[in-house]
Amino acid sequence: MGVYIQFNTNSIVGNIRGKTKKFVRRLLHHNLVHFMATDAHNMSNRSPVINKSKEYIIKKYGKSYLDRLIIHNPKKVLNNEYI
């Protein structure tokens, strides 16, 4: 039992400031995040910053952590497997 945590890419490298960015980075640091997603609605307002977020995750936590967030964990959910 438990919960899965997803963060939006703008939360770590976008224009969001303050407590949200700090909180998400702390969750990442403690390996408590399961998915990375976007909150993009269009390219002019709330556009995705996927590449910047991927670069940040690789730099701070390594490629294997990024792969869990965007490949392995989503695949497990689709296959009805526990993460």
C-alpha atoms as a PDB file:
ATOM      1  CA  MET A   1       0.000   0.000   0.000  1.00  0.00           C
ATOM      2  CA  GLY A   2       1.058   3.567  -0.485  1.00  0.00           C
ATOM      3  CA  VAL A   3       0.978   6.319  -3.045  1.00  0.00           C
ATOM      4  CA  TYR A   4       2.864   7.154  -6.185  1.00  0.00           C
ATOM      5  CA  ILE A   5       4.163  10.685  -6.667  1.00  0.00           C
ATOM      6  CA  GLN A   6       4.356  12.529  -9.961  1.00  0.00           C
ATOM      7  CA  PHE A   7       5.857  15.958 -10.512  1.00  0.00           C
ATOM      8  CA  ASN A   8       5.447  18.351 -13.405  1.00  0.00           C
ATOM      9  CA  THR A   9       8.585  19.348 -15.270  1.00  0.00           C
ATOM     10  CA  ASN A  10       7.971  23.039 -14.620  1.00  0.00           C
ATOM     11  CA  SER A  11       8.213  22.327 -10.897  1.00  0.00           C
ATOM     12  CA  ILE A  12      11.979  21.842 -10.998  1.00  0.00           C
ATOM     13  CA  VAL A  13      13.267  23.935 -13.897  1.00  0.00           C
ATOM     14  CA  GLY A  14      10.367  26.116 -14.975  1.00  0.00           C
ATOM     15  CA  ASN A  15       9.222  29.500 -13.819  1.00  0.00           C
ATOM     16  CA  ILE A  16       7.775  28.171 -10.559  1.00  0.00           C
ATOM     17  CA  ARG A  17       9.531  29.661  -7.559  1.00  0.00           C
ATOM     18  CA  GLY A  18       9.621  29.188  -3.857  1.00  0.00           C
ATOM     19  CA  LYS A  19       8.262  26.333  -1.812  1.00  0.00           C
ATOM     20  CA  THR A  20       7.017  24.156  -4.679  1.00  0.00           C
ATOM     21  CA  LYS A  21      10.387  23.917  -6.423  1.00  0.00           C
ATOM     22  CA  LYS A  22      12.190  23.322  -3.131  1.00  0.00           C
ATOM     23  CA  PHE A  23       9.672  20.656  -2.077  1.00  0.00           C
ATOM     24  CA  VAL A  24       9.868  18.744  -5.374  1.00  0.00           C
ATOM     25  CA  ARG A  25      13.664  18.844  -5.324  1.00  0.00           C
ATOM     26  CA  ARG A  26      13.624  17.484  -1.775  1.00  0.00           C
ATOM     27  CA  LEU A  27      11.307  14.645  -2.840  1.00  0.00           C
ATOM     28  CA  LEU A  28      13.665  13.833  -5.722  1.00  0.00           C
ATOM     29  CA  HIS A  29      16.677  13.902  -3.400  1.00  0.00           C
ATOM     30  CA  HIS A  30      15.016  11.355  -1.113  1.00  0.00           C
ATOM     31  CA  ASN A  31      13.998   9.131  -4.048  1.00  0.00           C
ATOM     32  CA  LEU A  32      10.288   9.644  -3.347  1.00  0.00           C
ATOM     33  CA  VAL A  33       9.155  10.508  -6.866  1.00  0.00           C
ATOM     34  CA  HIS A  34       7.834   7.890  -9.279  1.00  0.00           C
ATOM     35  CA  PHE A  35       6.869   9.816 -12.436  1.00  0.00           C
ATOM     36  CA  MET A  36       7.850  12.919 -14.361  1.00  0.00           C
ATOM     37  CA  ALA A  37       5.157  14.561 -16.489  1.00  0.00           C
ATOM     38  CA  THR A  38       4.222  17.880 -18.032  1.00  0.00           C
ATOM     39  CA  ASP A  39       1.409  20.256 -17.290  1.00  0.00           C
ATOM     40  CA  ALA A  40       1.593  21.678 -20.794  1.00  0.00           C
ATOM     41  CA  HIS A  41      -1.518  23.125 -22.299  1.00  0.00           C
ATOM     42  CA  ASN A  42       0.034  24.705 -25.379  1.00  0.00           C
ATOM     43  CA  MET A  43       3.392  26.058 -26.584  1.00  0.00           C
ATOM     44  CA  SER A  44       2.770  29.700 -25.647  1.00  0.00           C
ATOM     45  CA  ASN A  45       1.182  29.326 -22.221  1.00  0.00           C
ATOM     46  CA  ARG A  46       2.561  26.663 -19.844  1.00  0.00           C
ATOM     47  CA  SER A  47       4.750  25.040 -22.472  1.00  0.00           C
ATOM     48  CA  PRO A  48       6.692  21.898 -21.515  1.00  0.00           C
ATOM     49  CA  VAL A  49      10.317  22.082 -20.394  1.00  0.00           C
ATOM     50  CA  ILE A  50      11.010  18.375 -20.743  1.00  0.00           C
ATOM     51  CA  ASN A  51      14.595  18.572 -21.994  1.00  0.00           C
ATOM     52  CA  LYS A  52      15.683  20.954 -19.227  1.00  0.00           C
ATOM     53  CA  SER A  53      14.078  18.694 -16.648  1.00  0.00           C
ATOM     54  CA  LYS A  54      15.723  15.588 -18.091  1.00  0.00           C
ATOM     55  CA  GLU A  55      19.119  17.311 -18.045  1.00  0.00           C
ATOM     56  CA  TYR A  56      18.583  18.396 -14.438  1.00  0.00           C
ATOM     57  CA  ILE A  57      17.651  14.874 -13.289  1.00  0.00           C
ATOM     58  CA  ILE A  58      20.643  13.314 -15.079  1.00  0.00           C
ATOM     59  CA  LYS A  59      23.046  15.898 -13.682  1.00  0.00           C
ATOM     60  CA  LYS A  60      21.803  15.652 -10.091  1.00  0.00           C
ATOM     61  CA  TYR A  61      20.699  12.010  -9.791  1.00  0.00           C
ATOM     62  CA  GLY A  62      21.910  10.060 -12.830  1.00  0.00           C
ATOM     63  CA  LYS A  63      20.408   8.596 -15.980  1.00  0.00           C
ATOM     64  CA  SER A  64      19.071   5.514 -14.192  1.00  0.00           C
ATOM     65  CA  TYR A  65      16.823   7.679 -12.001  1.00  0.00           C
ATOM     66  CA  LEU A  66      15.527   9.518 -15.068  1.00  0.00           C
ATOM     67  CA  ASP A  67      14.848   6.194 -16.794  1.00  0.00           C
ATOM     68  CA  ARG A  68      12.798   5.043 -13.793  1.00  0.00           C
ATOM     69  CA  LEU A  69      10.739   8.243 -13.882  1.00  0.00           C
ATOM     70  CA  ILE A  70       9.936   8.286 -17.593  1.00  0.00           C
ATOM     71  CA  ILE A  71      10.284   4.680 -18.786  1.00  0.00           C
ATOM     72  CA  HIS A  72      10.356   1.899 -16.193  1.00  0.00           C
ATOM     73  CA  ASN A  73       7.782   3.118 -13.659  1.00  0.00           C
ATOM     74  CA  PRO A  74       5.169   4.126 -16.267  1.00  0.00           C
ATOM     75  CA  LYS A  75       5.640   0.766 -17.962  1.00  0.00           C
ATOM     76  CA  LYS A  76       5.070  -1.034 -14.646  1.00  0.00           C
ATOM     77  CA  VAL A  77       1.808   0.838 -14.097  1.00  0.00           C
ATOM     78  CA  LEU A  78       0.602  -0.057 -17.578  1.00  0.00           C
ATOM     79  CA  ASN A  79       1.420  -3.700 -16.829  1.00  0.00           C
ATOM     80  CA  ASN A  80      -0.363  -3.493 -13.456  1.00  0.00           C
ATOM     81  CA  GLU A  81       2.903  -4.119 -11.584  1.00  0.00           C
ATOM     82  CA  TYR A  82       4.009  -2.736  -8.237  1.00  0.00           C
ATOM     83  CA  ILE A  83       6.730  -0.089  -8.306  1.00  0.00           C
END
